[in-house]
Amino acid sequence: MVESKLRSNIRKQVFQAIQVAKKQEKPPIKDVYTDVYDVFLANLQEQDLSISETILRHPHDYPTHACLVENLNYLSMI
């Protein structure tokens, strides 16, 4: 009985946290690389290009944010 109440309470808390997180502005995708790597190596550039192309092909599946404009400009130069 106590365990089921605890489980229910935790589920509610997790659901509420997810709802709050969904409303927050997402960081630019480039942060995936810059948060981890000091140097933007060629293999990372390829991955970034691949992600950008995927987002451009399937925009309805991804949230829009500032980095998409940045990636559109980058892709138009290729």
PDB file of N, CA and C in Angstrom:
ATOM      1  N   MET A   1       0.824  -1.193   0.000  1.00  0.00           N
ATOM      2  CA  MET A   1       0.000   0.000   0.000  1.00  0.00           C
ATOM      3  C   MET A   1       0.871   1.261   0.000  1.00  0.00           C
ATOM      4  N   VAL A   2       1.831   1.322   0.896  1.00  0.00           N
ATOM      5  CA  VAL A   2       2.727   2.471   0.976  1.00  0.00           C
ATOM      6  C   VAL A   2       3.542   2.577  -0.308  1.00  0.00           C
ATOM      7  N   GLU A   3       3.982   1.431  -0.807  1.00  0.00           N
ATOM      8  CA  GLU A   3       4.780   1.425  -2.036  1.00  0.00           C
ATOM      9  C   GLU A   3       3.978   1.941  -3.226  1.00  0.00           C
ATOM     10  N   SER A   4       2.723   1.562  -3.339  1.00  0.00           N
ATOM     11  CA  SER A   4       1.905   2.024  -4.467  1.00  0.00           C
ATOM     12  C   SER A   4       1.646   3.526  -4.379  1.00  0.00           C
ATOM     13  N   LYS A   5       1.463   4.048  -3.169  1.00  0.00           N
ATOM     14  CA  LYS A   5       1.287   5.498  -3.005  1.00  0.00           C
ATOM     15  C   LYS A   5       2.570   6.233  -3.373  1.00  0.00           C
ATOM     16  N   LEU A   6       3.690   5.687  -2.927  1.00  0.00           N
ATOM     17  CA  LEU A   6       4.980   6.284  -3.250  1.00  0.00           C
ATOM     18  C   LEU A   6       5.201   6.283  -4.761  1.00  0.00           C
ATOM     19  N   ARG A   7       4.918   5.155  -5.381  1.00  0.00           N
ATOM     20  CA  ARG A   7       5.075   5.040  -6.835  1.00  0.00           C
ATOM     21  C   ARG A   7       4.178   6.042  -7.566  1.00  0.00           C
ATOM     22  N   SER A   8       2.940   6.159  -7.126  1.00  0.00           N
ATOM     23  CA  SER A   8       2.001   7.103  -7.740  1.00  0.00           C
ATOM     24  C   SER A   8       2.491   8.539  -7.577  1.00  0.00           C
ATOM     25  N   ASN A   9       2.983   8.870  -6.393  1.00  0.00           N
ATOM     26  CA  ASN A   9       3.491  10.213  -6.122  1.00  0.00           C
ATOM     27  C   ASN A   9       4.704  10.527  -7.000  1.00  0.00           C
ATOM     28  N   ILE A  10       5.600   9.571  -7.122  1.00  0.00           N
ATOM     29  CA  ILE A  10       6.791   9.772  -7.955  1.00  0.00           C
ATOM     30  C   ILE A  10       6.401   9.934  -9.417  1.00  0.00           C
ATOM     31  N   ARG A  11       5.453   9.141  -9.891  1.00  0.00           N
ATOM     32  CA  ARG A  11       4.991   9.277 -11.287  1.00  0.00           C
ATOM     33  C   ARG A  11       4.437  10.678 -11.546  1.00  0.00           C
ATOM     34  N   LYS A  12       3.653  11.188 -10.596  1.00  0.00           N
ATOM     35  CA  LYS A  12       3.094  12.534 -10.741  1.00  0.00           C
ATOM     36  C   LYS A  12       4.210  13.575 -10.801  1.00  0.00           C
ATOM     37  N   GLN A  13       5.207  13.426  -9.934  1.00  0.00           N
ATOM     38  CA  GLN A  13       6.327  14.369  -9.920  1.00  0.00           C
ATOM     39  C   GLN A  13       7.107  14.325 -11.228  1.00  0.00           C
ATOM     40  N   VAL A  14       7.345  13.133 -11.731  1.00  0.00           N
ATOM     41  CA  VAL A  14       8.073  12.988 -12.999  1.00  0.00           C
ATOM     42  C   VAL A  14       7.265  13.609 -14.130  1.00  0.00           C
ATOM     43  N   PHE A  15       5.969  13.336 -14.177  1.00  0.00           N
ATOM     44  CA  PHE A  15       5.113  13.905 -15.218  1.00  0.00           C
ATOM     45  C   PHE A  15       5.138  15.434 -15.160  1.00  0.00           C
ATOM     46  N   GLN A  16       5.044  15.990 -13.961  1.00  0.00           N
ATOM     47  CA  GLN A  16       5.086  17.448 -13.813  1.00  0.00           C
ATOM     48  C   GLN A  16       6.429  18.006 -14.276  1.00  0.00           C
ATOM     49  N   ALA A  17       7.510  17.333 -13.942  1.00  0.00           N
ATOM     50  CA  ALA A  17       8.841  17.783 -14.369  1.00  0.00           C
ATOM     51  C   ALA A  17       8.967  17.744 -15.888  1.00  0.00           C
ATOM     52  N   ILE A  18       8.413  16.726 -16.513  1.00  0.00           N
ATOM     53  CA  ILE A  18       8.444  16.625 -17.978  1.00  0.00           C
ATOM     54  C   ILE A  18       7.655  17.764 -18.600  1.00  0.00           C
ATOM     55  N   GLN A  19       6.500  18.080 -18.039  1.00  0.00           N
ATOM     56  CA  GLN A  19       5.686  19.171 -18.570  1.00  0.00           C
ATOM     57  C   GLN A  19       6.418  20.506 -18.469  1.00  0.00           C
ATOM     58  N   VAL A  20       7.105  20.737 -17.370  1.00  0.00           N
ATOM     59  CA  VAL A  20       7.889  21.967 -17.197  1.00  0.00           C
ATOM     60  C   VAL A  20       9.026  22.001 -18.218  1.00  0.00           C
ATOM     61  N   ALA A  21       9.718  20.884 -18.384  1.00  0.00           N
ATOM     62  CA  ALA A  21      10.850  20.818 -19.319  1.00  0.00           C
ATOM     63  C   ALA A  21      10.405  21.053 -20.755  1.00  0.00           C
ATOM     64  N   LYS A  22       9.240  20.571 -21.125  1.00  0.00           N
ATOM     65  CA  LYS A  22       8.735  20.750 -22.495  1.00  0.00           C
ATOM     66  C   LYS A  22       8.521  22.222 -22.828  1.00  0.00           C
ATOM     67  N   LYS A  23       8.225  23.025 -21.810  1.00  0.00           N
ATOM     68  CA  LYS A  23       7.940  24.443 -22.034  1.00  0.00           C
ATOM     69  C   LYS A  23       9.199  25.302 -22.101  1.00  0.00           C
ATOM     70  N   GLN A  24      10.314  24.763 -21.648  1.00  0.00           N
ATOM     71  CA  GLN A  24      11.552  25.541 -21.638  1.00  0.00           C
ATOM     72  C   GLN A  24      12.168  25.586 -23.028  1.00  0.00           C
ATOM     73  N   GLU A  25      12.814  26.719 -23.330  1.00  0.00           N
ATOM     74  CA  GLU A  25      13.499  26.855 -24.613  1.00  0.00           C
ATOM     75  C   GLU A  25      14.673  25.886 -24.665  1.00  0.00           C
ATOM     76  N   LYS A  26      14.799  25.223 -25.779  1.00  0.00           N
ATOM     77  CA  LYS A  26      15.868  24.237 -25.937  1.00  0.00           C
ATOM     78  C   LYS A  26      17.152  24.924 -26.396  1.00  0.00           C
ATOM     79  N   PRO A  27      18.298  24.431 -25.954  1.00  0.00           N
ATOM     80  CA  PRO A  27      19.570  25.022 -26.387  1.00  0.00           C
ATOM     81  C   PRO A  27      19.852  24.678 -27.845  1.00  0.00           C
ATOM     82  N   PRO A  28      20.693  25.445 -28.493  1.00  0.00           N
ATOM     83  CA  PRO A  28      21.067  25.131 -29.882  1.00  0.00           C
ATOM     84  C   PRO A  28      21.714  23.753 -29.971  1.00  0.00           C
ATOM     85  N   ILE A  29      21.483  23.073 -31.068  1.00  0.00           N
ATOM     86  CA  ILE A  29      22.037  21.735 -31.259  1.00  0.00           C
ATOM     87  C   ILE A  29      23.561  21.761 -31.211  1.00  0.00           C
ATOM     88  N   LYS A  30      24.169  22.842 -31.667  1.00  0.00           N
ATOM     89  CA  LYS A  30      25.635  22.926 -31.645  1.00  0.00           C
ATOM     90  C   LYS A  30      26.191  22.767 -30.230  1.00  0.00           C
ATOM     91  N   ASP A  31      25.377  23.062 -29.221  1.00  0.00           N
ATOM     92  CA  ASP A  31      25.822  22.887 -27.835  1.00  0.00           C
ATOM     93  C   ASP A  31      26.143  21.428 -27.524  1.00  0.00           C
ATOM     94  N   VAL A  32      25.573  20.506 -28.275  1.00  0.00           N
ATOM     95  CA  VAL A  32      25.896  19.088 -28.089  1.00  0.00           C
ATOM     96  C   VAL A  32      27.394  18.886 -28.255  1.00  0.00           C
ATOM     97  N   TYR A  33      27.977  19.610 -29.179  1.00  0.00           N
ATOM     98  CA  TYR A  33      29.410  19.472 -29.451  1.00  0.00           C
ATOM     99  C   TYR A  33      30.245  20.391 -28.566  1.00  0.00           C
ATOM    100  N   THR A  34      29.854  21.638 -28.468  1.00  0.00           N
ATOM    101  CA  THR A  34      30.681  22.616 -27.763  1.00  0.00           C
ATOM    102  C   THR A  34      30.695  22.401 -26.253  1.00  0.00           C
ATOM    103  N   ASP A  35      29.686  21.731 -25.727  1.00  0.00           N
ATOM    104  CA  ASP A  35      29.695  21.415 -24.299  1.00  0.00           C
ATOM    105  C   ASP A  35      30.696  20.313 -23.974  1.00  0.00           C
ATOM    106  N   VAL A  36      31.084  19.544 -24.984  1.00  0.00           N
ATOM    107  CA  VAL A  36      31.949  18.384 -24.759  1.00  0.00           C
ATOM    108  C   VAL A  36      33.343  18.583 -25.346  1.00  0.00           C
ATOM    109  N   TYR A  37      33.413  19.167 -26.527  1.00  0.00           N
ATOM    110  CA  TYR A  37      34.684  19.273 -27.251  1.00  0.00           C
ATOM    111  C   TYR A  37      35.148  20.719 -27.331  1.00  0.00           C
ATOM    112  N   ASP A  38      36.458  20.918 -27.212  1.00  0.00           N
ATOM    113  CA  ASP A  38      37.036  22.253 -27.360  1.00  0.00           C
ATOM    114  C   ASP A  38      37.215  22.609 -28.828  1.00  0.00           C
ATOM    115  N   VAL A  39      37.509  21.608 -29.649  1.00  0.00           N
ATOM    116  CA  VAL A  39      37.779  21.817 -31.067  1.00  0.00           C
ATOM    117  C   VAL A  39      36.690  21.127 -31.877  1.00  0.00           C
ATOM    118  N   PHE A  40      36.153  21.840 -32.855  1.00  0.00           N
ATOM    119  CA  PHE A  40      35.085  21.321 -33.715  1.00  0.00           C
ATOM    120  C   PHE A  40      35.733  20.574 -34.883  1.00  0.00           C
ATOM    121  N   LEU A  41      36.099  19.314 -34.658  1.00  0.00           N
ATOM    122  CA  LEU A  41      36.826  18.506 -35.638  1.00  0.00           C
ATOM    123  C   LEU A  41      35.955  18.137 -36.836  1.00  0.00           C
ATOM    124  N   ALA A  42      36.602  17.640 -37.889  1.00  0.00           N
ATOM    125  CA  ALA A  42      35.911  17.308 -39.135  1.00  0.00           C
ATOM    126  C   ALA A  42      34.790  16.297 -38.917  1.00  0.00           C
ATOM    127  N   ASN A  43      35.030  15.276 -38.101  1.00  0.00           N
ATOM    128  CA  ASN A  43      33.978  14.281 -37.885  1.00  0.00           C
ATOM    129  C   ASN A  43      32.770  14.886 -37.170  1.00  0.00           C
ATOM    130  N   LEU A  44      33.006  15.857 -36.294  1.00  0.00           N
ATOM    131  CA  LEU A  44      31.904  16.541 -35.628  1.00  0.00           C
ATOM    132  C   LEU A  44      31.150  17.433 -36.603  1.00  0.00           C
ATOM    133  N   GLN A  45      31.878  18.060 -37.523  1.00  0.00           N
ATOM    134  CA  GLN A  45      31.234  18.879 -38.547  1.00  0.00           C
ATOM    135  C   GLN A  45      30.336  18.019 -39.426  1.00  0.00           C
ATOM    136  N   GLU A  46      30.808  16.813 -39.758  1.00  0.00           N
ATOM    137  CA  GLU A  46      29.992  15.893 -40.559  1.00  0.00           C
ATOM    138  C   GLU A  46      28.724  15.499 -39.800  1.00  0.00           C
ATOM    139  N   GLN A  47      28.871  15.208 -38.524  1.00  0.00           N
ATOM    140  CA  GLN A  47      27.704  14.853 -37.718  1.00  0.00           C
ATOM    141  C   GLN A  47      26.730  16.020 -37.627  1.00  0.00           C
ATOM    142  N   ASP A  48      27.264  17.217 -37.445  1.00  0.00           N
ATOM    143  CA  ASP A  48      26.424  18.406 -37.368  1.00  0.00           C
ATOM    144  C   ASP A  48      25.673  18.622 -38.675  1.00  0.00           C
ATOM    145  N   LEU A  49      26.360  18.445 -39.784  1.00  0.00           N
ATOM    146  CA  LEU A  49      25.721  18.591 -41.089  1.00  0.00           C
ATOM    147  C   LEU A  49      24.624  17.552 -41.262  1.00  0.00           C
ATOM    148  N   SER A  50      24.889  16.330 -40.867  1.00  0.00           N
ATOM    149  CA  SER A  50      23.902  15.258 -40.977  1.00  0.00           C
ATOM    150  C   SER A  50      22.658  15.560 -40.140  1.00  0.00           C
ATOM    151  N   ILE A  51      22.873  16.030 -38.922  1.00  0.00           N
ATOM    152  CA  ILE A  51      21.744  16.392 -38.060  1.00  0.00           C
ATOM    153  C   ILE A  51      20.955  17.541 -38.683  1.00  0.00           C
ATOM    154  N   SER A  52      21.654  18.538 -39.194  1.00  0.00           N
ATOM    155  CA  SER A  52      20.998  19.695 -39.809  1.00  0.00           C
ATOM    156  C   SER A  52      20.163  19.273 -41.005  1.00  0.00           C
ATOM    157  N   GLU A  53      20.719  18.414 -41.841  1.00  0.00           N
ATOM    158  CA  GLU A  53      19.985  17.939 -43.017  1.00  0.00           C
ATOM    159  C   GLU A  53      18.740  17.156 -42.601  1.00  0.00           C
ATOM    160  N   THR A  54      18.868  16.352 -41.572  1.00  0.00           N
ATOM    161  CA  THR A  54      17.723  15.577 -41.085  1.00  0.00           C
ATOM    162  C   THR A  54      16.629  16.497 -40.572  1.00  0.00           C
ATOM    163  N   ILE A  55      17.010  17.522 -39.826  1.00  0.00           N
ATOM    164  CA  ILE A  55      16.028  18.480 -39.315  1.00  0.00           C
ATOM    165  C   ILE A  55      15.340  19.200 -40.465  1.00  0.00           C
ATOM    166  N   LEU A  56      16.098  19.571 -41.483  1.00  0.00           N
ATOM    167  CA  LEU A  56      15.513  20.272 -42.622  1.00  0.00           C
ATOM    168  C   LEU A  56      14.567  19.371 -43.409  1.00  0.00           C
ATOM    169  N   ARG A  57      14.874  18.076 -43.473  1.00  0.00           N
ATOM    170  CA  ARG A  57      13.997  17.134 -44.182  1.00  0.00           C
ATOM    171  C   ARG A  57      12.740  16.807 -43.378  1.00  0.00           C
ATOM    172  N   HIS A  58      12.838  16.873 -42.062  1.00  0.00           N
ATOM    173  CA  HIS A  58      11.723  16.480 -41.190  1.00  0.00           C
ATOM    174  C   HIS A  58      11.456  17.546 -40.121  1.00  0.00           C
ATOM    175  N   PRO A  59      11.146  18.764 -40.528  1.00  0.00           N
ATOM    176  CA  PRO A  59      11.008  19.848 -39.548  1.00  0.00           C
ATOM    177  C   PRO A  59       9.860  19.634 -38.555  1.00  0.00           C
ATOM    178  N   HIS A  60       8.836  18.894 -38.962  1.00  0.00           N
ATOM    179  CA  HIS A  60       7.700  18.669 -38.066  1.00  0.00           C
ATOM    180  C   HIS A  60       8.056  17.745 -36.897  1.00  0.00           C
ATOM    181  N   ASP A  61       9.168  17.038 -36.999  1.00  0.00           N
ATOM    182  CA  ASP A  61       9.586  16.117 -35.941  1.00  0.00           C
ATOM    183  C   ASP A  61      10.531  16.753 -34.924  1.00  0.00           C
ATOM    184  N   TYR A  62      10.952  17.980 -35.179  1.00  0.00           N
ATOM    185  CA  TYR A  62      11.939  18.620 -34.309  1.00  0.00           C
ATOM    186  C   TYR A  62      11.454  20.002 -33.905  1.00  0.00           C
ATOM    187  N   PRO A  63      11.756  20.412 -32.663  1.00  0.00           N
ATOM    188  CA  PRO A  63      11.391  21.770 -32.262  1.00  0.00           C
ATOM    189  C   PRO A  63      12.244  22.783 -33.019  1.00  0.00           C
ATOM    190  N   THR A  64      11.673  23.909 -33.275  1.00  0.00           N
ATOM    191  CA  THR A  64      12.442  24.951 -33.954  1.00  0.00           C
ATOM    192  C   THR A  64      13.138  25.808 -32.908  1.00  0.00           C
ATOM    193  N   HIS A  65      14.321  26.240 -33.231  1.00  0.00           N
ATOM    194  CA  HIS A  65      15.057  27.166 -32.381  1.00  0.00           C
ATOM    195  C   HIS A  65      16.123  27.852 -33.222  1.00  0.00           C
ATOM    196  N   ALA A  66      16.847  28.739 -32.613  1.00  0.00           N
ATOM    197  CA  ALA A  66      17.758  29.621 -33.339  1.00  0.00           C
ATOM    198  C   ALA A  66      18.788  28.879 -34.171  1.00  0.00           C
ATOM    199  N   CYS A  67      19.238  27.738 -33.734  1.00  0.00           N
ATOM    200  CA  CYS A  67      20.309  27.065 -34.475  1.00  0.00           C
ATOM    201  C   CYS A  67      19.836  26.612 -35.844  1.00  0.00           C
ATOM    202  N   LEU A  68      18.548  26.429 -36.036  1.00  0.00           N
ATOM    203  CA  LEU A  68      18.055  25.994 -37.335  1.00  0.00           C
ATOM    204  C   LEU A  68      18.335  27.062 -38.387  1.00  0.00           C
ATOM    205  N   VAL A  69      18.149  28.320 -38.037  1.00  0.00           N
ATOM    206  CA  VAL A  69      18.459  29.410 -38.964  1.00  0.00           C
ATOM    207  C   VAL A  69      19.945  29.391 -39.285  1.00  0.00           C
ATOM    208  N   GLU A  70      20.746  29.189 -38.277  1.00  0.00           N
ATOM    209  CA  GLU A  70      22.191  29.100 -38.457  1.00  0.00           C
ATOM    210  C   GLU A  70      22.533  27.961 -39.420  1.00  0.00           C
ATOM    211  N   ASN A  71      21.896  26.821 -39.249  1.00  0.00           N
ATOM    212  CA  ASN A  71      22.164  25.668 -40.095  1.00  0.00           C
ATOM    213  C   ASN A  71      21.663  25.883 -41.519  1.00  0.00           C
ATOM    214  N   LEU A  72      20.545  26.576 -41.677  1.00  0.00           N
ATOM    215  CA  LEU A  72      20.048  26.886 -43.021  1.00  0.00           C
ATOM    216  C   LEU A  72      21.070  27.726 -43.773  1.00  0.00           C
ATOM    217  N   ASN A  73      21.633  28.708 -43.097  1.00  0.00           N
ATOM    218  CA  ASN A  73      22.656  29.550 -43.720  1.00  0.00           C
ATOM    219  C   ASN A  73      23.878  28.724 -44.087  1.00  0.00           C
ATOM    220  N   TYR A  74      24.278  27.841 -43.202  1.00  0.00           N
ATOM    221  CA  TYR A  74      25.446  26.992 -43.444  1.00  0.00           C
ATOM    222  C   TYR A  74      25.206  26.069 -44.635  1.00  0.00           C
ATOM    223  N   LEU A  75      24.040  25.447 -44.684  1.00  0.00           N
ATOM    224  CA  LEU A  75      23.744  24.508 -45.771  1.00  0.00           C
ATOM    225  C   LEU A  75      23.648  25.215 -47.118  1.00  0.00           C
ATOM    226  N   SER A  76      23.197  26.451 -47.120  1.00  0.00           N
ATOM    227  CA  SER A  76      23.076  27.172 -48.385  1.00  0.00           C
ATOM    228  C   SER A  76      24.438  27.521 -48.972  1.00  0.00           C
ATOM    229  N   MET A  77      25.495  27.491 -48.144  1.00  0.00           N
ATOM    230  CA  MET A  77      26.838  27.803 -48.627  1.00  0.00           C
ATOM    231  C   MET A  77      27.534  26.581 -49.216  1.00  0.00           C
ATOM    232  N   ILE A  78      26.990  25.394 -48.985  1.00  0.00           N
ATOM    233  CA  ILE A  78      27.653  24.164 -49.444  1.00  0.00           C
ATOM    234  C   ILE A  78      27.373  23.924 -50.916  1.00  0.00           C
TER     235      ILE A  78
END
